[in-house]
Each structure stands twice: as structure tokens, then as C-alpha cells.
Amino acid sequence: MKKIILAILFVGSTVATCLAQKSNDASKFSIGLEAGIPTGSFGDFYNLAIGGSLKYDINISEGTYFNISAGYTSFSGKNGVPSTGFIPVKVGIKNYFSEGFYGEAQVGAAKSTESGGGTAFAYSPGIGYTFTGGFDIGLRYEAWSKNGTIGQFATRIAYSF
């Protein structure tokens, strides 16, 4: 799985470098706070996900962006279940379909911070709105699949610069 994460980072950074030369003015970083509610049987053991992320958006055509993101998510346990953490790394496409409103889809990998936890395939479709001044709020469903699925409904509140 380390090779998969490395491959995703390599492909993402290569595409980002190539596309940044096309439209460097539209590229932007964002830093965000994330919160989520675990779904399915995972929600029986964990009650809240909280974390942070960095994202880099690169304009590839009018209203469409390629992005790379990485972060950390911690799930707090219920009834004595210890907290657990993940480091998701994803690439995706964001498309603005109206003034400020966008749809986004990302894929990648989520590495468990637990010893022997391994790495899972990650995917996350979502929607959001970018406000004038750089503030952004997004809602998404995010799932990590490896011998079962860990899912969450999450929100990201971010500032772009």
C-alpha cells in the first residue's frame, strides 16, 4: 500500500506541475477544519470524526480544478473504545456549476495510524460553496474500503489563499 500512496502522490504532483504551468494564477492552497459523523457499523463504536487538511487546487479549464489533498482524521470512541486516526491522501476534480457552488469527487488512500492498521482505498463525492474572500464550506460522504468499509458524512470549513 505504501507503493500505492507513493504512486498517487507522484501522479498528482506531476499533473499539478504540468497544469500549474498552464494557469498558475488560478492555483490556490486551502487549509481546513473537518468534522464528520461515522456511518454504518463503524458508527456503533465511534461517535465523531475531527481533523484538518491541506488542499491544492489547480485550474485546468474554466470552472474546473484538479486537486490534491492530505490531512489527518481522528475518530473518538464510544463506551471505552480507544480513538483511532487516519491520514488520507487524495486527488480529485472540482467543478463549479454555478456562481460559488461546486461538485467534487476524490479518490486516494487512507493510512491508519494504528500499528498494523494498513492502508485503505478512499473515495469521497461531495458538494460545496466558495464565498467571496476565500472561505469555503463543503459537505461530502467519505469512505475507506479495506476488508469492509469505514464511512462518514463530513463537512470541511476552509480558507483559501
C-alpha atoms as a PDB file:
ATOM      1  CA  MET A   1       0.000   0.000   0.000  1.00  0.00           C
ATOM      2  CA  LYS A   2       2.951   2.320   0.531  1.00  0.00           C
ATOM      3  CA  LYS A   3       3.652   1.987  -3.184  1.00  0.00           C
ATOM      4  CA  ILE A   4       0.046   2.946  -3.987  1.00  0.00           C
ATOM      5  CA  ILE A   5       0.254   6.072  -1.818  1.00  0.00           C
ATOM      6  CA  LEU A   6       3.600   6.967  -3.357  1.00  0.00           C
ATOM      7  CA  ALA A   7       2.178   6.442  -6.868  1.00  0.00           C
ATOM      8  CA  ILE A   8      -0.840   8.654  -6.100  1.00  0.00           C
ATOM      9  CA  LEU A   9       1.420  11.400  -4.757  1.00  0.00           C
ATOM     10  CA  PHE A  10       3.776  11.095  -7.746  1.00  0.00           C
ATOM     11  CA  VAL A  11       0.994  11.208 -10.351  1.00  0.00           C
ATOM     12  CA  GLY A  12      -0.777  14.020  -8.509  1.00  0.00           C
ATOM     13  CA  SER A  13       2.325  16.162  -8.184  1.00  0.00           C
ATOM     14  CA  THR A  14       3.332  15.512 -11.813  1.00  0.00           C
ATOM     15  CA  VAL A  15      -0.112  16.540 -13.084  1.00  0.00           C
ATOM     16  CA  ALA A  16      -0.112  19.528 -10.733  1.00  0.00           C
ATOM     17  CA  THR A  17       3.265  20.684 -12.041  1.00  0.00           C
ATOM     18  CA  CYS A  18       2.191  20.335 -15.668  1.00  0.00           C
ATOM     19  CA  LEU A  19      -1.178  22.005 -15.166  1.00  0.00           C
ATOM     20  CA  ALA A  20       0.239  24.768 -12.992  1.00  0.00           C
ATOM     21  CA  GLN A  21       2.253  25.958 -15.976  1.00  0.00           C
ATOM     22  CA  LYS A  22      -0.991  26.350 -17.944  1.00  0.00           C
ATOM     23  CA  SER A  23      -2.837  28.508 -15.414  1.00  0.00           C
ATOM     24  CA  ASN A  24      -0.665  29.328 -12.429  1.00  0.00           C
ATOM     25  CA  ASP A  25      -2.730  32.407 -11.498  1.00  0.00           C
ATOM     26  CA  ALA A  26      -5.779  30.285 -10.627  1.00  0.00           C
ATOM     27  CA  SER A  27      -3.934  27.796  -8.420  1.00  0.00           C
ATOM     28  CA  LYS A  28      -4.621  28.074  -4.695  1.00  0.00           C
ATOM     29  CA  PHE A  29      -3.984  26.374  -1.378  1.00  0.00           C
ATOM     30  CA  SER A  30      -6.598  25.941   1.303  1.00  0.00           C
ATOM     31  CA  ILE A  31      -6.408  24.856   4.909  1.00  0.00           C
ATOM     32  CA  GLY A  32      -9.482  23.435   6.544  1.00  0.00           C
ATOM     33  CA  LEU A  33     -11.067  22.059   9.679  1.00  0.00           C
ATOM     34  CA  GLU A  34     -13.067  18.867   9.164  1.00  0.00           C
ATOM     35  CA  ALA A  35     -15.766  17.190  11.238  1.00  0.00           C
ATOM     36  CA  GLY A  36     -17.785  14.077  10.495  1.00  0.00           C
ATOM     37  CA  ILE A  37     -20.271  11.548  11.780  1.00  0.00           C
ATOM     38  CA  PRO A  38     -19.326   7.874  11.276  1.00  0.00           C
ATOM     39  CA  THR A  39     -21.857   5.727   9.393  1.00  0.00           C
ATOM     40  CA  GLY A  40     -22.852   2.074   9.407  1.00  0.00           C
ATOM     41  CA  SER A  41     -21.429  -0.361  11.953  1.00  0.00           C
ATOM     42  CA  PHE A  42     -18.383   1.914  12.383  1.00  0.00           C
ATOM     43  CA  GLY A  43     -20.789   4.425  13.952  1.00  0.00           C
ATOM     44  CA  ASP A  44     -21.607   1.852  16.645  1.00  0.00           C
ATOM     45  CA  PHE A  45     -18.067   2.204  18.033  1.00  0.00           C
ATOM     46  CA  TYR A  46     -17.141   5.806  17.146  1.00  0.00           C
ATOM     47  CA  ASN A  47     -19.208   8.943  17.575  1.00  0.00           C
ATOM     48  CA  LEU A  48     -17.256  11.811  15.994  1.00  0.00           C
ATOM     49  CA  ALA A  49     -14.517  12.404  13.456  1.00  0.00           C
ATOM     50  CA  ILE A  50     -12.427  15.573  13.670  1.00  0.00           C
ATOM     51  CA  GLY A  51      -9.370  16.615  11.741  1.00  0.00           C
ATOM     52  CA  GLY A  52      -7.677  19.020   9.411  1.00  0.00           C
ATOM     53  CA  SER A  53      -6.495  19.092   5.824  1.00  0.00           C
ATOM     54  CA  LEU A  54      -4.492  20.950   3.213  1.00  0.00           C
ATOM     55  CA  LYS A  55      -5.711  21.088  -0.379  1.00  0.00           C
ATOM     56  CA  TYR A  56      -4.142  22.437  -3.568  1.00  0.00           C
ATOM     57  CA  ASP A  57      -6.497  23.352  -6.450  1.00  0.00           C
ATOM     58  CA  ILE A  58      -5.135  23.815  -9.979  1.00  0.00           C
ATOM     59  CA  ASN A  59      -7.304  25.344 -12.697  1.00  0.00           C
ATOM     60  CA  ILE A  60      -7.452  23.032 -15.739  1.00  0.00           C
ATOM     61  CA  SER A  61     -10.303  24.764 -17.612  1.00  0.00           C
ATOM     62  CA  GLU A  62     -12.909  27.408 -16.906  1.00  0.00           C
ATOM     63  CA  GLY A  63     -14.670  26.371 -13.682  1.00  0.00           C
ATOM     64  CA  THR A  64     -12.820  23.032 -13.363  1.00  0.00           C
ATOM     65  CA  TYR A  65      -9.956  22.260 -10.989  1.00  0.00           C
ATOM     66  CA  PHE A  66      -7.663  19.297 -10.369  1.00  0.00           C
ATOM     67  CA  ASN A  67      -6.846  18.980  -6.668  1.00  0.00           C
ATOM     68  CA  ILE A  68      -4.532  17.184  -4.277  1.00  0.00           C
ATOM     69  CA  SER A  69      -5.322  16.930  -0.565  1.00  0.00           C
ATOM     70  CA  ALA A  70      -3.806  15.425   2.563  1.00  0.00           C
ATOM     71  CA  GLY A  71      -4.797  15.575   6.191  1.00  0.00           C
ATOM     72  CA  TYR A  72      -5.420  13.824   9.465  1.00  0.00           C
ATOM     73  CA  THR A  73      -8.719  12.485  10.847  1.00  0.00           C
ATOM     74  CA  SER A  74      -9.263  11.190  14.387  1.00  0.00           C
ATOM     75  CA  PHE A  75     -12.336   9.166  15.346  1.00  0.00           C
ATOM     76  CA  SER A  76     -13.299   9.396  19.040  1.00  0.00           C
ATOM     77  CA  GLY A  77     -14.506   6.122  20.522  1.00  0.00           C
ATOM     78  CA  LYS A  78     -17.710   5.323  22.377  1.00  0.00           C
ATOM     79  CA  ASN A  79     -18.001   3.369  25.668  1.00  0.00           C
ATOM     80  CA  GLY A  80     -14.278   2.933  26.309  1.00  0.00           C
ATOM     81  CA  VAL A  81     -13.313   2.218  22.675  1.00  0.00           C
ATOM     82  CA  PRO A  82      -9.991   3.998  22.103  1.00  0.00           C
ATOM     83  CA  SER A  83      -9.718   6.742  19.486  1.00  0.00           C
ATOM     84  CA  THR A  84      -8.190   5.886  16.128  1.00  0.00           C
ATOM     85  CA  GLY A  85      -6.569   8.034  13.460  1.00  0.00           C
ATOM     86  CA  PHE A  86      -6.111   8.059   9.689  1.00  0.00           C
ATOM     87  CA  ILE A  87      -4.017  10.030   7.212  1.00  0.00           C
ATOM     88  CA  PRO A  88      -5.999  10.387   3.962  1.00  0.00           C
ATOM     89  CA  VAL A  89      -4.200  11.433   0.747  1.00  0.00           C
ATOM     90  CA  LYS A  90      -6.470  12.065  -2.250  1.00  0.00           C
ATOM     91  CA  VAL A  91      -6.603  13.530  -5.752  1.00  0.00           C
ATOM     92  CA  GLY A  92      -9.735  14.734  -7.481  1.00  0.00           C
ATOM     93  CA  ILE A  93     -11.728  17.048  -9.688  1.00  0.00           C
ATOM     94  CA  LYS A  94     -13.782  20.064  -8.580  1.00  0.00           C
ATOM     95  CA  ASN A  95     -16.261  21.626 -10.999  1.00  0.00           C
ATOM     96  CA  TYR A  96     -18.146  24.881 -10.398  1.00  0.00           C
ATOM     97  CA  PHE A  97     -21.629  24.529 -11.868  1.00  0.00           C
ATOM     98  CA  SER A  98     -22.905  27.953 -10.785  1.00  0.00           C
ATOM     99  CA  GLU A  99     -21.660  31.070  -9.007  1.00  0.00           C
ATOM    100  CA  GLY A 100     -19.839  29.689  -5.944  1.00  0.00           C
ATOM    101  CA  PHE A 101     -21.482  26.212  -5.997  1.00  0.00           C
ATOM    102  CA  TYR A 102     -19.374  23.189  -6.911  1.00  0.00           C
ATOM    103  CA  GLY A 103     -19.335  19.409  -7.065  1.00  0.00           C
ATOM    104  CA  GLU A 104     -16.208  17.437  -6.240  1.00  0.00           C
ATOM    105  CA  ALA A 105     -15.018  13.837  -6.415  1.00  0.00           C
ATOM    106  CA  GLN A 106     -11.769  12.496  -4.972  1.00  0.00           C
ATOM    107  CA  VAL A 107     -10.003   9.126  -4.751  1.00  0.00           C
ATOM    108  CA  GLY A 108      -6.867   8.057  -2.924  1.00  0.00           C
ATOM    109  CA  ALA A 109      -5.667   6.166   0.130  1.00  0.00           C
ATOM    110  CA  ALA A 110      -6.158   6.438   3.898  1.00  0.00           C
ATOM    111  CA  LYS A 111      -3.349   5.156   6.115  1.00  0.00           C
ATOM    112  CA  SER A 112      -4.241   4.033   9.620  1.00  0.00           C
ATOM    113  CA  THR A 113      -2.061   5.431  12.402  1.00  0.00           C
ATOM    114  CA  GLU A 114      -2.583   2.220  14.406  1.00  0.00           C
ATOM    115  CA  SER A 115       0.164  -0.396  14.395  1.00  0.00           C
ATOM    116  CA  GLY A 116      -0.759  -2.962  11.742  1.00  0.00           C
ATOM    117  CA  GLY A 117      -3.784  -0.896  10.640  1.00  0.00           C
ATOM    118  CA  GLY A 118      -2.762  -0.801   6.997  1.00  0.00           C
ATOM    119  CA  THR A 119      -3.999   1.372   4.170  1.00  0.00           C
ATOM    120  CA  ALA A 120      -7.462   1.559   2.619  1.00  0.00           C
ATOM    121  CA  PHE A 121      -8.804   2.793  -0.724  1.00  0.00           C
ATOM    122  CA  ALA A 122     -10.520   6.174  -0.181  1.00  0.00           C
ATOM    123  CA  TYR A 123     -13.256   7.878  -2.177  1.00  0.00           C
ATOM    124  CA  SER A 124     -15.339  10.960  -1.441  1.00  0.00           C
ATOM    125  CA  PRO A 125     -18.028  12.642  -3.563  1.00  0.00           C
ATOM    126  CA  GLY A 126     -19.291  15.988  -2.296  1.00  0.00           C
ATOM    127  CA  ILE A 127     -20.732  19.442  -2.885  1.00  0.00           C
ATOM    128  CA  GLY A 128     -19.789  22.854  -1.573  1.00  0.00           C
ATOM    129  CA  TYR A 129     -19.861  26.615  -1.840  1.00  0.00           C
ATOM    130  CA  THR A 130     -16.976  29.092  -2.096  1.00  0.00           C
ATOM    131  CA  PHE A 131     -17.686  32.525  -0.625  1.00  0.00           C
ATOM    132  CA  THR A 132     -16.150  35.805  -1.764  1.00  0.00           C
ATOM    133  CA  GLY A 133     -12.995  36.342   0.280  1.00  0.00           C
ATOM    134  CA  GLY A 134     -11.755  32.752   0.163  1.00  0.00           C
ATOM    135  CA  PHE A 135     -13.949  30.948   2.696  1.00  0.00           C
ATOM    136  CA  ASP A 136     -15.307  27.581   1.601  1.00  0.00           C
ATOM    137  CA  ILE A 137     -17.716  25.061   3.098  1.00  0.00           C
ATOM    138  CA  GLY A 138     -18.148  21.571   1.705  1.00  0.00           C
ATOM    139  CA  LEU A 139     -20.268  18.520   2.536  1.00  0.00           C
ATOM    140  CA  ARG A 140     -19.280  15.020   1.475  1.00  0.00           C
ATOM    141  CA  TYR A 141     -19.636  11.323   2.021  1.00  0.00           C
ATOM    142  CA  GLU A 142     -16.221   9.752   2.522  1.00  0.00           C
ATOM    143  CA  ALA A 143     -15.496   6.033   2.625  1.00  0.00           C
ATOM    144  CA  TRP A 144     -12.355   3.970   3.159  1.00  0.00           C
ATOM    145  CA  SER A 145     -12.520   0.390   1.917  1.00  0.00           C
ATOM    146  CA  LYS A 146     -10.319  -2.476   3.088  1.00  0.00           C
ATOM    147  CA  ASN A 147     -11.938  -5.713   4.238  1.00  0.00           C
ATOM    148  CA  GLY A 148     -15.120  -3.712   4.835  1.00  0.00           C
ATOM    149  CA  THR A 149     -15.912  -0.013   4.657  1.00  0.00           C
ATOM    150  CA  ILE A 150     -15.432   2.825   7.126  1.00  0.00           C
ATOM    151  CA  GLY A 151     -17.702   5.707   6.172  1.00  0.00           C
ATOM    152  CA  GLN A 152     -18.598   9.169   7.368  1.00  0.00           C
ATOM    153  CA  PHE A 153     -20.699  12.166   6.425  1.00  0.00           C
ATOM    154  CA  ALA A 154     -18.343  15.101   6.820  1.00  0.00           C
ATOM    155  CA  THR A 155     -18.033  18.831   6.423  1.00  0.00           C
ATOM    156  CA  ARG A 156     -14.951  20.923   5.676  1.00  0.00           C
ATOM    157  CA  ILE A 157     -14.707  24.603   6.550  1.00  0.00           C
ATOM    158  CA  ALA A 158     -11.667  26.103   4.877  1.00  0.00           C
ATOM    159  CA  TYR A 159      -9.849  29.271   3.915  1.00  0.00           C
ATOM    160  CA  SER A 160      -8.157  29.557   0.502  1.00  0.00           C
ATOM    161  CA  PHE A 161      -5.053  31.652  -0.146  1.00  0.00           C
END
